[in-house]
Structures are given as structure tokens and as C-alpha cells.
Amino acid sequence: MGVPFYGRGVESFRKSMDFRNIYPIPEGYTEQWDKSAHAPYIEDSNGEFVFGFENARSLQIKCDYIKEHGLLGIMNWDYSLDDENLTLTRIMHSLVE
């Protein structure tokens, strides 16, 4: 399974942004949760989608899925896009513990 350490959005917000730069969410926007995709997204003040990304919660769900189904691993693009606490990298490392 592949996971990005960046997000993608609409041109009026940001077409692309590294995970390390997503937080704090800019004023006027809110983080939401897509129950079907098991992933966060950002919406504007009108409730319109503007940006999708992975976070610690969504990545943990994906890692749990990999373990539960005996999949062979996970890959990401790219470690340098993680935050200074290596939040996403540490979650991925839990697969080998």
C-alpha cells in the first residue's frame, strides 16, 4: 500500500502541501473526516472540499488494515515531507515492531 506524506487540493487553496506544513489549519478553514475514505480533508467556510491528506489517524487505520489482512508492506513518498516529530514515519514503523 502506498501513502503520501503530502496533500492535494484545489487551486484556490493549495494544489499541494507537505504534511509538515499542513498544521495549523489556516483560519477560515476546518478539518473534517471522511468516514468512507477513513481520511481527513479540509473544507472552506462554505463547506466545500479544498484539500485532502493523510494524518496520524488515517495512517494508523491503513497500518492496522495491512496487519489484519497480512499484506506485505507499505511505502510512502517521502520521508522528508513528515513533520519534525516524524509523526507519520513512527506510525509506519509500528508495522515492523
PDB file of N, CA and C in Angstrom:
ATOM      1  N   MET A   1       0.848  -1.162   0.000  1.00  0.00           N
ATOM      2  CA  MET A   1       0.000   0.000   0.000  1.00  0.00           C
ATOM      3  C   MET A   1       0.897   1.230   0.000  1.00  0.00           C
ATOM      4  N   GLY A   2       0.524   2.226  -0.755  1.00  0.00           N
ATOM      5  CA  GLY A   2       1.281   3.468  -0.803  1.00  0.00           C
ATOM      6  C   GLY A   2       0.540   4.609  -0.134  1.00  0.00           C
ATOM      7  N   VAL A   3       1.270   5.432   0.586  1.00  0.00           N
ATOM      8  CA  VAL A   3       0.670   6.599   1.241  1.00  0.00           C
ATOM      9  C   VAL A   3       1.548   7.826   0.998  1.00  0.00           C
ATOM     10  N   PRO A   4       0.931   8.942   0.705  1.00  0.00           N
ATOM     11  CA  PRO A   4       1.700  10.166   0.509  1.00  0.00           C
ATOM     12  C   PRO A   4       1.906  10.907   1.828  1.00  0.00           C
ATOM     13  N   PHE A   5       3.028  11.534   1.979  1.00  0.00           N
ATOM     14  CA  PHE A   5       3.279  12.412   3.116  1.00  0.00           C
ATOM     15  C   PHE A   5       3.050  13.859   2.676  1.00  0.00           C
ATOM     16  N   TYR A   6       2.064  14.045   1.829  1.00  0.00           N
ATOM     17  CA  TYR A   6       1.668  15.366   1.349  1.00  0.00           C
ATOM     18  C   TYR A   6       0.176  15.319   1.063  1.00  0.00           C
ATOM     19  N   GLY A   7      -0.393  16.474   0.829  1.00  0.00           N
ATOM     20  CA  GLY A   7      -1.801  16.534   0.478  1.00  0.00           C
ATOM     21  C   GLY A   7      -1.981  17.233  -0.849  1.00  0.00           C
ATOM     22  N   ARG A   8      -3.166  17.051  -1.415  1.00  0.00           N
ATOM     23  CA  ARG A   8      -3.503  17.675  -2.706  1.00  0.00           C
ATOM     24  C   ARG A   8      -4.818  18.428  -2.550  1.00  0.00           C
ATOM     25  N   GLY A   9      -4.912  19.541  -3.239  1.00  0.00           N
ATOM     26  CA  GLY A   9      -6.118  20.333  -3.115  1.00  0.00           C
ATOM     27  C   GLY A   9      -6.495  21.068  -4.378  1.00  0.00           C
ATOM     28  N   VAL A  10      -7.451  21.938  -4.208  1.00  0.00           N
ATOM     29  CA  VAL A  10      -7.922  22.754  -5.318  1.00  0.00           C
ATOM     30  C   VAL A  10      -7.034  23.987  -5.434  1.00  0.00           C
ATOM     31  N   GLU A  11      -7.013  24.546  -6.599  1.00  0.00           N
ATOM     32  CA  GLU A  11      -6.117  25.663  -6.878  1.00  0.00           C
ATOM     33  C   GLU A  11      -6.350  26.864  -5.953  1.00  0.00           C
ATOM     34  N   SER A  12      -7.595  27.104  -5.562  1.00  0.00           N
ATOM     35  CA  SER A  12      -7.887  28.263  -4.718  1.00  0.00           C
ATOM     36  C   SER A  12      -7.339  28.117  -3.294  1.00  0.00           C
ATOM     37  N   PHE A  13      -6.992  26.897  -2.874  1.00  0.00           N
ATOM     38  CA  PHE A  13      -6.424  26.679  -1.536  1.00  0.00           C
ATOM     39  C   PHE A  13      -4.931  26.421  -1.655  1.00  0.00           C
ATOM     40  N   ARG A  14      -4.564  25.230  -1.984  1.00  0.00           N
ATOM     41  CA  ARG A  14      -3.184  24.827  -2.247  1.00  0.00           C
ATOM     42  C   ARG A  14      -3.255  23.581  -3.094  1.00  0.00           C
ATOM     43  N   LYS A  15      -2.580  23.573  -4.209  1.00  0.00           N
ATOM     44  CA  LYS A  15      -2.595  22.381  -5.062  1.00  0.00           C
ATOM     45  C   LYS A  15      -1.842  21.227  -4.412  1.00  0.00           C
ATOM     46  N   SER A  16      -0.802  21.543  -3.651  1.00  0.00           N
ATOM     47  CA  SER A  16      -0.011  20.517  -2.988  1.00  0.00           C
ATOM     48  C   SER A  16       0.661  21.129  -1.760  1.00  0.00           C
ATOM     49  N   MET A  17       0.760  20.326  -0.683  1.00  0.00           N
ATOM     50  CA  MET A  17       1.424  20.813   0.518  1.00  0.00           C
ATOM     51  C   MET A  17       1.993  19.617   1.277  1.00  0.00           C
ATOM     52  N   ASP A  18       3.223  19.741   1.754  1.00  0.00           N
ATOM     53  CA  ASP A  18       3.858  18.707   2.550  1.00  0.00           C
ATOM     54  C   ASP A  18       3.119  18.551   3.878  1.00  0.00           C
ATOM     55  N   PHE A  19       3.093  17.339   4.427  1.00  0.00           N
ATOM     56  CA  PHE A  19       2.432  17.101   5.710  1.00  0.00           C
ATOM     57  C   PHE A  19       2.961  18.053   6.774  1.00  0.00           C
ATOM     58  N   ARG A  20       4.248  18.292   6.792  1.00  0.00           N
ATOM     59  CA  ARG A  20       4.841  19.132   7.838  1.00  0.00           C
ATOM     60  C   ARG A  20       4.317  20.570   7.817  1.00  0.00           C
ATOM     61  N   ASN A  21       3.684  20.975   6.718  1.00  0.00           N
ATOM     62  CA  ASN A  21       3.187  22.349   6.605  1.00  0.00           C
ATOM     63  C   ASN A  21       1.664  22.467   6.691  1.00  0.00           C
ATOM     64  N   ILE A  22       0.967  21.362   6.880  1.00  0.00           N
ATOM     65  CA  ILE A  22      -0.498  21.401   6.891  1.00  0.00           C
ATOM     66  C   ILE A  22      -1.040  22.043   8.164  1.00  0.00           C
ATOM     67  N   TYR A  23      -0.438  21.716   9.296  1.00  0.00           N
ATOM     68  CA  TYR A  23      -0.902  22.275  10.568  1.00  0.00           C
ATOM     69  C   TYR A  23      -0.046  23.463  10.958  1.00  0.00           C
ATOM     70  N   PRO A  24      -0.632  24.519  11.540  1.00  0.00           N
ATOM     71  CA  PRO A  24      -2.039  24.675  11.849  1.00  0.00           C
ATOM     72  C   PRO A  24      -2.872  24.955  10.592  1.00  0.00           C
ATOM     73  N   ILE A  25      -4.121  24.511  10.635  1.00  0.00           N
ATOM     74  CA  ILE A  25      -5.050  24.764   9.533  1.00  0.00           C
ATOM     75  C   ILE A  25      -5.302  26.268   9.484  1.00  0.00           C
ATOM     76  N   PRO A  26      -5.210  26.875   8.305  1.00  0.00           N
ATOM     77  CA  PRO A  26      -5.420  28.325   8.207  1.00  0.00           C
ATOM     78  C   PRO A  26      -6.807  28.747   8.689  1.00  0.00           C
ATOM     79  N   GLU A  27      -6.887  29.938   9.231  1.00  0.00           N
ATOM     80  CA  GLU A  27      -8.163  30.497   9.689  1.00  0.00           C
ATOM     81  C   GLU A  27      -9.150  30.543   8.529  1.00  0.00           C
ATOM     82  N   GLY A  28     -10.400  30.226   8.818  1.00  0.00           N
ATOM     83  CA  GLY A  28     -11.430  30.216   7.791  1.00  0.00           C
ATOM     84  C   GLY A  28     -11.646  28.845   7.161  1.00  0.00           C
ATOM     85  N   TYR A  29     -10.810  27.866   7.562  1.00  0.00           N
ATOM     86  CA  TYR A  29     -10.914  26.503   7.054  1.00  0.00           C
ATOM     87  C   TYR A  29     -11.033  25.551   8.251  1.00  0.00           C
ATOM     88  N   THR A  30     -11.647  24.402   8.042  1.00  0.00           N
ATOM     89  CA  THR A  30     -11.777  23.423   9.108  1.00  0.00           C
ATOM     90  C   THR A  30     -11.410  22.033   8.605  1.00  0.00           C
ATOM     91  N   GLU A  31     -10.835  21.252   9.506  1.00  0.00           N
ATOM     92  CA  GLU A  31     -10.516  19.866   9.190  1.00  0.00           C
ATOM     93  C   GLU A  31     -11.762  19.024   9.433  1.00  0.00           C
ATOM     94  N   GLN A  32     -12.048  18.141   8.501  1.00  0.00           N
ATOM     95  CA  GLN A  32     -13.187  17.225   8.596  1.00  0.00           C
ATOM     96  C   GLN A  32     -12.688  15.799   8.422  1.00  0.00           C
ATOM     97  N   TRP A  33     -13.586  14.826   8.632  1.00  0.00           N
ATOM     98  CA  TRP A  33     -13.233  13.419   8.493  1.00  0.00           C
ATOM     99  C   TRP A  33     -14.186  12.759   7.515  1.00  0.00           C
ATOM    100  N   ASP A  34     -13.629  12.093   6.505  1.00  0.00           N
ATOM    101  CA  ASP A  34     -14.428  11.343   5.535  1.00  0.00           C
ATOM    102  C   ASP A  34     -14.544   9.909   6.061  1.00  0.00           C
ATOM    103  N   LYS A  35     -15.751   9.529   6.499  1.00  0.00           N
ATOM    104  CA  LYS A  35     -15.965   8.210   7.093  1.00  0.00           C
ATOM    105  C   LYS A  35     -15.779   7.075   6.091  1.00  0.00           C
ATOM    106  N   SER A  36     -16.050   7.322   4.826  1.00  0.00           N
ATOM    107  CA  SER A  36     -15.892   6.280   3.808  1.00  0.00           C
ATOM    108  C   SER A  36     -14.431   6.064   3.442  1.00  0.00           C
ATOM    109  N   ALA A  37     -13.695   7.148   3.270  1.00  0.00           N
ATOM    110  CA  ALA A  37     -12.285   7.060   2.876  1.00  0.00           C
ATOM    111  C   ALA A  37     -11.358   6.861   4.074  1.00  0.00           C
ATOM    112  N   HIS A  38     -11.878   7.056   5.282  1.00  0.00           N
ATOM    113  CA  HIS A  38     -11.066   6.996   6.501  1.00  0.00           C
ATOM    114  C   HIS A  38      -9.880   7.948   6.372  1.00  0.00           C
ATOM    115  N   ALA A  39     -10.191   9.175   5.996  1.00  0.00           N
ATOM    116  CA  ALA A  39      -9.139  10.170   5.773  1.00  0.00           C
ATOM    117  C   ALA A  39      -9.654  11.574   6.081  1.00  0.00           C
ATOM    118  N   PRO A  40      -8.737  12.453   6.486  1.00  0.00           N
ATOM    119  CA  PRO A  40      -9.128  13.829   6.749  1.00  0.00           C
ATOM    120  C   PRO A  40      -9.169  14.641   5.462  1.00  0.00           C
ATOM    121  N   TYR A  41      -9.856  15.744   5.542  1.00  0.00           N
ATOM    122  CA  TYR A  41      -9.832  16.723   4.462  1.00  0.00           C
ATOM    123  C   TYR A  41     -10.121  18.088   5.062  1.00  0.00           C
ATOM    124  N   ILE A  42      -9.841  19.108   4.308  1.00  0.00           N
ATOM    125  CA  ILE A  42     -10.090  20.473   4.755  1.00  0.00           C
ATOM    126  C   ILE A  42     -11.196  21.054   3.886  1.00  0.00           C
ATOM    127  N   GLU A  43     -12.099  21.769   4.552  1.00  0.00           N
ATOM    128  CA  GLU A  43     -13.158  22.440   3.818  1.00  0.00           C
ATOM    129  C   GLU A  43     -13.116  23.930   4.121  1.00  0.00           C
ATOM    130  N   ASP A  44     -13.658  24.712   3.186  1.00  0.00           N
ATOM    131  CA  ASP A  44     -13.703  26.156   3.382  1.00  0.00           C
ATOM    132  C   ASP A  44     -14.941  26.534   4.186  1.00  0.00           C
ATOM    133  N   SER A  45     -15.151  27.817   4.398  1.00  0.00           N
ATOM    134  CA  SER A  45     -16.267  28.295   5.214  1.00  0.00           C
ATOM    135  C   SER A  45     -17.628  27.991   4.597  1.00  0.00           C
ATOM    136  N   ASN A  46     -17.658  27.631   3.320  1.00  0.00           N
ATOM    137  CA  ASN A  46     -18.902  27.245   2.650  1.00  0.00           C
ATOM    138  C   ASN A  46     -19.149  25.739   2.720  1.00  0.00           C
ATOM    139  N   GLY A  47     -18.260  25.006   3.378  1.00  0.00           N
ATOM    140  CA  GLY A  47     -18.397  23.556   3.473  1.00  0.00           C
ATOM    141  C   GLY A  47     -17.927  22.824   2.237  1.00  0.00           C
ATOM    142  N   GLU A  48     -17.156  23.499   1.387  1.00  0.00           N
ATOM    143  CA  GLU A  48     -16.643  22.896   0.158  1.00  0.00           C
ATOM    144  C   GLU A  48     -15.261  22.290   0.396  1.00  0.00           C
ATOM    145  N   PHE A  49     -15.047  21.090  -0.154  1.00  0.00           N
ATOM    146  CA  PHE A  49     -13.742  20.434  -0.096  1.00  0.00           C
ATOM    147  C   PHE A  49     -12.695  21.318  -0.768  1.00  0.00           C
ATOM    148  N   VAL A  50     -11.532  21.479  -0.085  1.00  0.00           N
ATOM    149  CA  VAL A  50     -10.430  22.210  -0.709  1.00  0.00           C
ATOM    150  C   VAL A  50      -9.100  21.457  -0.657  1.00  0.00           C
ATOM    151  N   PHE A  51      -9.003  20.431   0.233  1.00  0.00           N
ATOM    152  CA  PHE A  51      -7.696  19.787   0.395  1.00  0.00           C
ATOM    153  C   PHE A  51      -7.859  18.432   1.072  1.00  0.00           C
ATOM    154  N   GLY A  52      -7.205  17.406   0.531  1.00  0.00           N
ATOM    155  CA  GLY A  52      -7.203  16.077   1.135  1.00  0.00           C
ATOM    156  C   GLY A  52      -5.790  15.649   1.480  1.00  0.00           C
ATOM    157  N   PHE A  53      -5.643  14.871   2.553  1.00  0.00           N
ATOM    158  CA  PHE A  53      -4.313  14.466   3.004  1.00  0.00           C
ATOM    159  C   PHE A  53      -4.413  13.286   3.948  1.00  0.00           C
ATOM    160  N   GLU A  54      -3.270  12.741   4.338  1.00  0.00           N
ATOM    161  CA  GLU A  54      -3.183  11.709   5.367  1.00  0.00           C
ATOM    162  C   GLU A  54      -2.770  12.392   6.666  1.00  0.00           C
ATOM    163  N   ASN A  55      -3.254  11.858   7.782  1.00  0.00           N
ATOM    164  CA  ASN A  55      -2.767  12.306   9.081  1.00  0.00           C
ATOM    165  C   ASN A  55      -2.493  11.078   9.933  1.00  0.00           C
ATOM    166  N   ALA A  56      -2.168  11.272  11.201  1.00  0.00           N
ATOM    167  CA  ALA A  56      -1.822  10.140  12.061  1.00  0.00           C
ATOM    168  C   ALA A  56      -2.982   9.153  12.171  1.00  0.00           C
ATOM    169  N   ARG A  57      -4.188   9.642  12.306  1.00  0.00           N
ATOM    170  CA  ARG A  57      -5.355   8.770  12.442  1.00  0.00           C
ATOM    171  C   ARG A  57      -5.572   7.921  11.186  1.00  0.00           C
ATOM    172  N   SER A  58      -5.543   8.549  10.024  1.00  0.00           N
ATOM    173  CA  SER A  58      -5.803   7.810   8.779  1.00  0.00           C
ATOM    174  C   SER A  58      -4.683   6.818   8.484  1.00  0.00           C
ATOM    175  N   LEU A  59      -3.449   7.201   8.773  1.00  0.00           N
ATOM    176  CA  LEU A  59      -2.328   6.297   8.523  1.00  0.00           C
ATOM    177  C   LEU A  59      -2.380   5.099   9.470  1.00  0.00           C
ATOM    178  N   GLN A  60      -2.767   5.325  10.718  1.00  0.00           N
ATOM    179  CA  GLN A  60      -2.888   4.206  11.656  1.00  0.00           C
ATOM    180  C   GLN A  60      -3.951   3.217  11.184  1.00  0.00           C
ATOM    181  N   ILE A  61      -5.052   3.712  10.658  1.00  0.00           N
ATOM    182  CA  ILE A  61      -6.104   2.846  10.122  1.00  0.00           C
ATOM    183  C   ILE A  61      -5.555   1.999   8.979  1.00  0.00           C
ATOM    184  N   LYS A  62      -4.772   2.603   8.112  1.00  0.00           N
ATOM    185  CA  LYS A  62      -4.183   1.870   6.984  1.00  0.00           C
ATOM    186  C   LYS A  62      -3.173   0.822   7.469  1.00  0.00           C
ATOM    187  N   CYS A  63      -2.358   1.178   8.456  1.00  0.00           N
ATOM    188  CA  CYS A  63      -1.398   0.211   9.003  1.00  0.00           C
ATOM    189  C   CYS A  63      -2.120  -0.951   9.674  1.00  0.00           C
ATOM    190  N   ASP A  64      -3.189  -0.667  10.398  1.00  0.00           N
ATOM    191  CA  ASP A  64      -3.975  -1.729  11.025  1.00  0.00           C
ATOM    192  C   ASP A  64      -4.562  -2.655   9.952  1.00  0.00           C
ATOM    193  N   TYR A  65      -5.027  -2.085   8.861  1.00  0.00           N
ATOM    194  CA  TYR A  65      -5.577  -2.879   7.756  1.00  0.00           C
ATOM    195  C   TYR A  65      -4.511  -3.816   7.177  1.00  0.00           C
ATOM    196  N   ILE A  66      -3.312  -3.290   7.003  1.00  0.00           N
ATOM    197  CA  ILE A  66      -2.206  -4.091   6.467  1.00  0.00           C
ATOM    198  C   ILE A  66      -1.922  -5.280   7.385  1.00  0.00           C
ATOM    199  N   LYS A  67      -1.844  -5.030   8.701  1.00  0.00           N
ATOM    200  CA  LYS A  67      -1.590  -6.107   9.656  1.00  0.00           C
ATOM    201  C   LYS A  67      -2.713  -7.137   9.644  1.00  0.00           C
ATOM    202  N   GLU A  68      -3.950  -6.670   9.699  1.00  0.00           N
ATOM    203  CA  GLU A  68      -5.114  -7.560   9.783  1.00  0.00           C
ATOM    204  C   GLU A  68      -5.265  -8.454   8.547  1.00  0.00           C
ATOM    205  N   HIS A  69      -4.834  -7.949   7.389  1.00  0.00           N
ATOM    206  CA  HIS A  69      -5.014  -8.697   6.149  1.00  0.00           C
ATOM    207  C   HIS A  69      -3.735  -9.356   5.634  1.00  0.00           C
ATOM    208  N   GLY A  70      -2.673  -9.296   6.433  1.00  0.00           N
ATOM    209  CA  GLY A  70      -1.429  -9.968   6.067  1.00  0.00           C
ATOM    210  C   GLY A  70      -0.786  -9.430   4.803  1.00  0.00           C
ATOM    211  N   LEU A  71      -0.971  -8.152   4.537  1.00  0.00           N
ATOM    212  CA  LEU A  71      -0.332  -7.563   3.361  1.00  0.00           C
ATOM    213  C   LEU A  71       1.169  -7.455   3.606  1.00  0.00           C
ATOM    214  N   LEU A  72       1.913  -7.297   2.544  1.00  0.00           N
ATOM    215  CA  LEU A  72       3.370  -7.376   2.647  1.00  0.00           C
ATOM    216  C   LEU A  72       4.062  -6.074   3.014  1.00  0.00           C
ATOM    217  N   GLY A  73       3.352  -4.952   3.055  1.00  0.00           N
ATOM    218  CA  GLY A  73       4.036  -3.740   3.475  1.00  0.00           C
ATOM    219  C   GLY A  73       3.363  -2.472   3.026  1.00  0.00           C
ATOM    220  N   ILE A  74       4.093  -1.411   3.269  1.00  0.00           N
ATOM    221  CA  ILE A  74       3.621  -0.063   2.974  1.00  0.00           C
ATOM    222  C   ILE A  74       4.800   0.744   2.449  1.00  0.00           C
ATOM    223  N   MET A  75       4.524   1.690   1.594  1.00  0.00           N
ATOM    224  CA  MET A  75       5.580   2.607   1.128  1.00  0.00           C
ATOM    225  C   MET A  75       5.021   4.019   1.154  1.00  0.00           C
ATOM    226  N   ASN A  76       5.907   4.965   1.199  1.00  0.00           N
ATOM    227  CA  ASN A  76       5.470   6.360   1.245  1.00  0.00           C
ATOM    228  C   ASN A  76       6.320   7.219   0.327  1.00  0.00           C
ATOM    229  N   TRP A  77       5.824   8.408   0.076  1.00  0.00           N
ATOM    230  CA  TRP A  77       6.583   9.440  -0.621  1.00  0.00           C
ATOM    231  C   TRP A  77       6.422  10.691   0.212  1.00  0.00           C
ATOM    232  N   ASP A  78       7.325  11.213   0.715  1.00  0.00           N
ATOM    233  CA  ASP A  78       8.695  10.898   1.006  1.00  0.00           C
ATOM    234  C   ASP A  78       8.987  11.321   2.424  1.00  0.00           C
ATOM    235  N   TYR A  79       9.932  10.662   3.081  1.00  0.00           N
ATOM    236  CA  TYR A  79      10.195  10.912   4.499  1.00  0.00           C
ATOM    237  C   TYR A  79      10.452  12.376   4.820  1.00  0.00           C
ATOM    238  N   SER A  80      11.080  13.090   3.936  1.00  0.00           N
ATOM    239  CA  SER A  80      11.422  14.489   4.216  1.00  0.00           C
ATOM    240  C   SER A  80      10.195  15.392   4.317  1.00  0.00           C
ATOM    241  N   LEU A  81       9.020  14.887   3.937  1.00  0.00           N
ATOM    242  CA  LEU A  81       7.797  15.688   3.997  1.00  0.00           C
ATOM    243  C   LEU A  81       7.080  15.552   5.337  1.00  0.00           C
ATOM    244  N   ASP A  82       7.552  14.630   6.194  1.00  0.00           N
ATOM    245  CA  ASP A  82       6.966  14.424   7.515  1.00  0.00           C
ATOM    246  C   ASP A  82       7.281  15.628   8.406  1.00  0.00           C
ATOM    247  N   ASP A  83       6.572  15.725   9.536  1.00  0.00           N
ATOM    248  CA  ASP A  83       6.840  16.834  10.443  1.00  0.00           C
ATOM    249  C   ASP A  83       8.094  16.561  11.277  1.00  0.00           C
ATOM    250  N   GLU A  84       8.482  17.525  12.100  1.00  0.00           N
ATOM    251  CA  GLU A  84       9.729  17.398  12.867  1.00  0.00           C
ATOM    252  C   GLU A  84       9.670  16.289  13.912  1.00  0.00           C
ATOM    253  N   ASN A  85       8.468  15.863  14.292  1.00  0.00           N
ATOM    254  CA  ASN A  85       8.316  14.758  15.246  1.00  0.00           C
ATOM    255  C   ASN A  85       8.269  13.392  14.568  1.00  0.00           C
ATOM    256  N   LEU A  86       8.372  13.381  13.241  1.00  0.00           N
ATOM    257  CA  LEU A  86       8.285  12.150  12.449  1.00  0.00           C
ATOM    258  C   LEU A  86       6.994  11.385  12.750  1.00  0.00           C
ATOM    259  N   THR A  87       5.909  12.121  12.861  1.00  0.00           N
ATOM    260  CA  THR A  87       4.612  11.562  13.227  1.00  0.00           C
ATOM    261  C   THR A  87       4.206  10.409  12.331  1.00  0.00           C
ATOM    262  N   LEU A  88       4.228  10.594  11.033  1.00  0.00           N
ATOM    263  CA  LEU A  88       3.796   9.552  10.105  1.00  0.00           C
ATOM    264  C   LEU A  88       4.814   8.426  10.011  1.00  0.00           C
ATOM    265  N   THR A  89       6.078   8.757  10.041  1.00  0.00           N
ATOM    266  CA  THR A  89       7.142   7.750   9.968  1.00  0.00           C
ATOM    267  C   THR A  89       7.053   6.792  11.148  1.00  0.00           C
ATOM    268  N   ARG A  90       6.816   7.320  12.336  1.00  0.00           N
ATOM    269  CA  ARG A  90       6.720   6.476  13.535  1.00  0.00           C
ATOM    270  C   ARG A  90       5.534   5.517  13.445  1.00  0.00           C
ATOM    271  N   ILE A  91       4.433   5.968  12.893  1.00  0.00           N
ATOM    272  CA  ILE A  91       3.275   5.088  12.731  1.00  0.00           C
ATOM    273  C   ILE A  91       3.608   3.961  11.763  1.00  0.00           C
ATOM    274  N   MET A  92       4.245   4.312  10.652  1.00  0.00           N
ATOM    275  CA  MET A  92       4.629   3.269   9.689  1.00  0.00           C
ATOM    276  C   MET A  92       5.593   2.266  10.312  1.00  0.00           C
ATOM    277  N   HIS A  93       6.472   2.740  11.172  1.00  0.00           N
ATOM    278  CA  HIS A  93       7.456   1.859  11.822  1.00  0.00           C
ATOM    279  C   HIS A  93       6.766   0.814  12.691  1.00  0.00           C
ATOM    280  N   SER A  94       5.564   1.121  13.162  1.00  0.00           N
ATOM    281  CA  SER A  94       4.838   0.163  14.007  1.00  0.00           C
ATOM    282  C   SER A  94       4.542  -1.142  13.270  1.00  0.00           C
ATOM    283  N   LEU A  95       4.596  -1.127  11.946  1.00  0.00           N
ATOM    284  CA  LEU A  95       4.367  -2.346  11.180  1.00  0.00           C
ATOM    285  C   LEU A  95       5.465  -3.381  11.368  1.00  0.00           C
ATOM    286  N   VAL A  96       6.659  -2.926  11.733  1.00  0.00           N
ATOM    287  CA  VAL A  96       7.778  -3.860  11.863  1.00  0.00           C
ATOM    288  C   VAL A  96       8.081  -4.204  13.320  1.00  0.00           C
ATOM    289  N   GLU A  97       7.303  -3.671  14.225  1.00  0.00           N
ATOM    290  CA  GLU A  97       7.546  -3.955  15.645  1.00  0.00           C
ATOM    291  C   GLU A  97       7.006  -5.304  16.041  1.00  0.00           C
TER     292      GLU A  97
END
